[in-house]
Amino acid sequence: MDTTLGYLRESLSNHLEHDMGQKIYKKIVSRQYENEEEFVRHLDEREAAFLNEVLEHELTYARNEQDHKRTRELNEVYELLF
């Protein structure tokens, strides 16, 4: 699995109490995406909006923890959502 998608999967695991979080998580683990661009192209509008909120939260957490690698990896997906 792509490293960035691995970080994304881990971050989404913190949001499985939401149906949309579960849906996106299942998308990641059930299919072999070549990279984060391919994954983002397979999101519908509602999934992308939910993921945008999750990433905002997760990026803030990663910055507060000074986890530069996680911040960089998650930011790659976040930028693709626009």
N, C-alpha and C. Protein backbone atom coordinates (compact mmCIF):
# COMPACT_ATOMS: atom_id res chain seq x y z
N MET A 1 0.85 -1.18 0.00
CA MET A 1 0.00 0.00 0.00
C MET A 1 0.89 1.24 0.00
N ASP A 2 0.46 2.22 -0.73
CA ASP A 2 1.13 3.52 -0.78
C ASP A 2 1.28 4.07 0.64
N THR A 3 2.43 4.64 0.95
CA THR A 3 2.69 5.17 2.30
C THR A 3 1.67 6.22 2.71
N THR A 4 1.35 7.12 1.80
CA THR A 4 0.37 8.16 2.10
C THR A 4 -0.98 7.55 2.43
N LEU A 5 -1.40 6.56 1.67
CA LEU A 5 -2.67 5.91 1.94
C LEU A 5 -2.64 5.15 3.26
N GLY A 6 -1.48 4.66 3.63
CA GLY A 6 -1.33 4.01 4.94
C GLY A 6 -1.58 4.99 6.07
N TYR A 7 -1.02 6.17 5.97
CA TYR A 7 -1.27 7.21 6.97
C TYR A 7 -2.75 7.61 6.97
N LEU A 8 -3.33 7.71 5.79
CA LEU A 8 -4.74 8.07 5.70
C LEU A 8 -5.62 6.99 6.34
N ARG A 9 -5.31 5.74 6.06
CA ARG A 9 -6.08 4.64 6.65
C ARG A 9 -5.99 4.68 8.17
N GLU A 10 -4.81 4.90 8.68
CA GLU A 10 -4.63 4.99 10.13
C GLU A 10 -5.44 6.15 10.71
N SER A 11 -5.41 7.29 10.04
CA SER A 11 -6.16 8.46 10.52
C SER A 11 -7.67 8.19 10.48
N LEU A 12 -8.12 7.54 9.42
CA LEU A 12 -9.55 7.23 9.31
C LEU A 12 -10.00 6.25 10.38
N SER A 13 -9.10 5.42 10.85
CA SER A 13 -9.48 4.46 11.89
C SER A 13 -9.91 5.17 13.18
N ASN A 14 -9.55 6.45 13.31
CA ASN A 14 -9.98 7.23 14.46
C ASN A 14 -11.39 7.81 14.27
N HIS A 15 -11.99 7.57 13.13
CA HIS A 15 -13.28 8.17 12.80
C HIS A 15 -14.29 7.13 12.32
N LEU A 16 -14.16 5.91 12.79
CA LEU A 16 -15.05 4.83 12.36
C LEU A 16 -16.40 4.85 13.05
N GLU A 17 -16.60 5.78 13.98
CA GLU A 17 -17.92 5.89 14.60
C GLU A 17 -18.93 6.52 13.64
N HIS A 18 -18.43 7.11 12.57
CA HIS A 18 -19.28 7.71 11.54
C HIS A 18 -19.44 6.73 10.38
N ASP A 19 -20.64 6.61 9.87
CA ASP A 19 -20.88 5.72 8.72
C ASP A 19 -19.99 6.08 7.53
N MET A 20 -19.84 7.37 7.30
CA MET A 20 -19.02 7.81 6.17
C MET A 20 -17.56 7.45 6.40
N GLY A 21 -17.10 7.55 7.63
CA GLY A 21 -15.73 7.14 7.95
C GLY A 21 -15.51 5.67 7.66
N GLN A 22 -16.50 4.85 8.02
CA GLN A 22 -16.42 3.41 7.75
C GLN A 22 -16.41 3.13 6.26
N LYS A 23 -17.24 3.87 5.52
CA LYS A 23 -17.34 3.67 4.08
C LYS A 23 -16.01 3.98 3.39
N ILE A 24 -15.40 5.09 3.75
CA ILE A 24 -14.13 5.48 3.14
C ILE A 24 -13.02 4.52 3.56
N TYR A 25 -13.02 4.12 4.82
CA TYR A 25 -12.02 3.18 5.32
C TYR A 25 -12.10 1.86 4.53
N LYS A 26 -13.32 1.37 4.33
CA LYS A 26 -13.50 0.13 3.57
C LYS A 26 -13.01 0.27 2.14
N LYS A 27 -13.19 1.46 1.57
CA LYS A 27 -12.71 1.71 0.21
C LYS A 27 -11.19 1.55 0.15
N ILE A 28 -10.52 2.07 1.15
CA ILE A 28 -9.05 1.99 1.16
C ILE A 28 -8.57 0.55 1.30
N VAL A 29 -9.18 -0.20 2.22
CA VAL A 29 -8.66 -1.54 2.49
C VAL A 29 -9.15 -2.59 1.50
N SER A 30 -10.23 -2.32 0.78
CA SER A 30 -10.78 -3.34 -0.11
C SER A 30 -10.23 -3.27 -1.53
N ARG A 31 -9.52 -2.21 -1.85
CA ARG A 31 -9.01 -2.05 -3.21
C ARG A 31 -7.55 -1.62 -3.18
N GLN A 32 -6.79 -2.07 -4.13
CA GLN A 32 -5.38 -1.69 -4.23
C GLN A 32 -5.27 -0.43 -5.09
N TYR A 33 -5.21 0.72 -4.45
CA TYR A 33 -5.01 1.97 -5.18
C TYR A 33 -3.51 2.16 -5.40
N GLU A 34 -3.17 2.58 -6.58
CA GLU A 34 -1.76 2.79 -6.92
C GLU A 34 -1.17 3.94 -6.11
N ASN A 35 -1.98 4.98 -5.88
CA ASN A 35 -1.51 6.15 -5.14
C ASN A 35 -2.71 6.95 -4.63
N GLU A 36 -2.43 8.02 -3.93
CA GLU A 36 -3.50 8.82 -3.33
C GLU A 36 -4.34 9.54 -4.39
N GLU A 37 -3.75 9.87 -5.52
CA GLU A 37 -4.51 10.52 -6.59
C GLU A 37 -5.62 9.61 -7.11
N GLU A 38 -5.27 8.36 -7.33
CA GLU A 38 -6.26 7.40 -7.80
C GLU A 38 -7.37 7.23 -6.76
N PHE A 39 -6.99 7.16 -5.51
CA PHE A 39 -7.98 7.02 -4.44
C PHE A 39 -8.94 8.20 -4.41
N VAL A 40 -8.41 9.41 -4.45
CA VAL A 40 -9.25 10.61 -4.36
C VAL A 40 -10.20 10.69 -5.55
N ARG A 41 -9.77 10.24 -6.72
CA ARG A 41 -10.65 10.25 -7.91
C ARG A 41 -11.86 9.34 -7.72
N HIS A 42 -11.76 8.34 -6.84
CA HIS A 42 -12.86 7.41 -6.61
C HIS A 42 -13.79 7.83 -5.47
N LEU A 43 -13.57 9.00 -4.92
CA LEU A 43 -14.45 9.51 -3.87
C LEU A 43 -15.61 10.28 -4.49
N ASP A 44 -16.80 10.11 -3.92
CA ASP A 44 -17.90 10.96 -4.36
C ASP A 44 -17.85 12.27 -3.57
N GLU A 45 -18.73 13.17 -3.87
CA GLU A 45 -18.70 14.51 -3.26
C GLU A 45 -18.87 14.46 -1.73
N ARG A 46 -19.77 13.63 -1.25
CA ARG A 46 -19.99 13.53 0.20
C ARG A 46 -18.78 12.92 0.90
N GLU A 47 -18.19 11.91 0.30
CA GLU A 47 -16.99 11.29 0.87
C GLU A 47 -15.84 12.29 0.93
N ALA A 48 -15.68 13.06 -0.13
CA ALA A 48 -14.60 14.05 -0.17
C ALA A 48 -14.82 15.12 0.90
N ALA A 49 -16.06 15.55 1.09
CA ALA A 49 -16.36 16.57 2.11
C ALA A 49 -16.06 16.02 3.50
N PHE A 50 -16.45 14.79 3.77
CA PHE A 50 -16.17 14.18 5.07
C PHE A 50 -14.67 14.04 5.28
N LEU A 51 -13.98 13.55 4.27
CA LEU A 51 -12.54 13.36 4.38
C LEU A 51 -11.82 14.69 4.59
N ASN A 52 -12.31 15.73 3.97
CA ASN A 52 -11.75 17.06 4.17
C ASN A 52 -11.81 17.45 5.65
N GLU A 53 -12.95 17.23 6.29
CA GLU A 53 -13.10 17.55 7.72
C GLU A 53 -12.17 16.70 8.57
N VAL A 54 -12.10 15.42 8.27
CA VAL A 54 -11.23 14.51 9.01
C VAL A 54 -9.77 14.96 8.88
N LEU A 55 -9.37 15.29 7.68
CA LEU A 55 -7.97 15.68 7.46
C LEU A 55 -7.64 17.00 8.15
N GLU A 56 -8.57 17.92 8.18
CA GLU A 56 -8.31 19.16 8.91
C GLU A 56 -8.00 18.85 10.38
N HIS A 57 -8.80 17.98 10.97
CA HIS A 57 -8.60 17.58 12.37
C HIS A 57 -7.27 16.83 12.53
N GLU A 58 -7.01 15.88 11.67
CA GLU A 58 -5.81 15.06 11.77
C GLU A 58 -4.54 15.87 11.49
N LEU A 59 -4.60 16.81 10.57
CA LEU A 59 -3.44 17.66 10.30
C LEU A 59 -3.12 18.56 11.49
N THR A 60 -4.15 19.09 12.12
CA THR A 60 -3.94 19.91 13.32
C THR A 60 -3.28 19.08 14.41
N TYR A 61 -3.76 17.87 14.61
CA TYR A 61 -3.18 16.97 15.61
C TYR A 61 -1.71 16.68 15.27
N ALA A 62 -1.43 16.35 14.01
CA ALA A 62 -0.06 16.02 13.61
C ALA A 62 0.87 17.22 13.80
N ARG A 63 0.39 18.41 13.49
CA ARG A 63 1.22 19.61 13.68
C ARG A 63 1.48 19.85 15.16
N ASN A 64 0.46 19.70 15.98
CA ASN A 64 0.62 19.88 17.43
C ASN A 64 1.61 18.88 18.02
N GLU A 65 1.65 17.70 17.46
CA GLU A 65 2.57 16.66 17.92
C GLU A 65 3.94 16.80 17.24
N GLN A 66 4.06 17.76 16.36
CA GLN A 66 5.28 17.99 15.59
C GLN A 66 5.71 16.74 14.81
N ASP A 67 4.71 16.04 14.31
CA ASP A 67 4.94 14.85 13.50
C ASP A 67 4.98 15.30 12.04
N HIS A 68 6.14 15.71 11.61
CA HIS A 68 6.30 16.32 10.29
C HIS A 68 6.03 15.33 9.16
N LYS A 69 6.43 14.09 9.34
CA LYS A 69 6.19 13.07 8.31
C LYS A 69 4.69 12.87 8.11
N ARG A 70 3.95 12.69 9.20
CA ARG A 70 2.50 12.50 9.12
C ARG A 70 1.83 13.73 8.51
N THR A 71 2.26 14.90 8.92
CA THR A 71 1.70 16.14 8.37
C THR A 71 1.90 16.19 6.87
N ARG A 72 3.10 15.88 6.42
CA ARG A 72 3.42 15.91 4.99
C ARG A 72 2.58 14.90 4.21
N GLU A 73 2.49 13.68 4.72
CA GLU A 73 1.75 12.62 4.02
C GLU A 73 0.26 12.94 3.94
N LEU A 74 -0.33 13.37 5.06
CA LEU A 74 -1.75 13.68 5.06
C LEU A 74 -2.06 14.93 4.23
N ASN A 75 -1.14 15.86 4.22
CA ASN A 75 -1.34 17.07 3.44
C ASN A 75 -1.40 16.77 1.95
N GLU A 76 -0.71 15.73 1.50
CA GLU A 76 -0.76 15.34 0.10
C GLU A 76 -2.19 15.00 -0.32
N VAL A 77 -2.90 14.27 0.52
CA VAL A 77 -4.29 13.92 0.23
C VAL A 77 -5.18 15.16 0.35
N TYR A 78 -4.97 15.93 1.39
CA TYR A 78 -5.76 17.13 1.63
C TYR A 78 -5.72 18.06 0.42
N GLU A 79 -4.56 18.26 -0.15
CA GLU A 79 -4.42 19.15 -1.32
C GLU A 79 -5.14 18.60 -2.54
N LEU A 80 -5.22 17.29 -2.67
CA LEU A 80 -5.90 16.68 -3.81
C LEU A 80 -7.43 16.85 -3.74
N LEU A 81 -7.94 17.11 -2.56
CA LEU A 81 -9.39 17.25 -2.41
C LEU A 81 -9.91 18.55 -3.00
N PHE A 82 -9.04 19.48 -3.28
CA PHE A 82 -9.47 20.78 -3.81
C PHE A 82 -9.54 20.75 -5.29
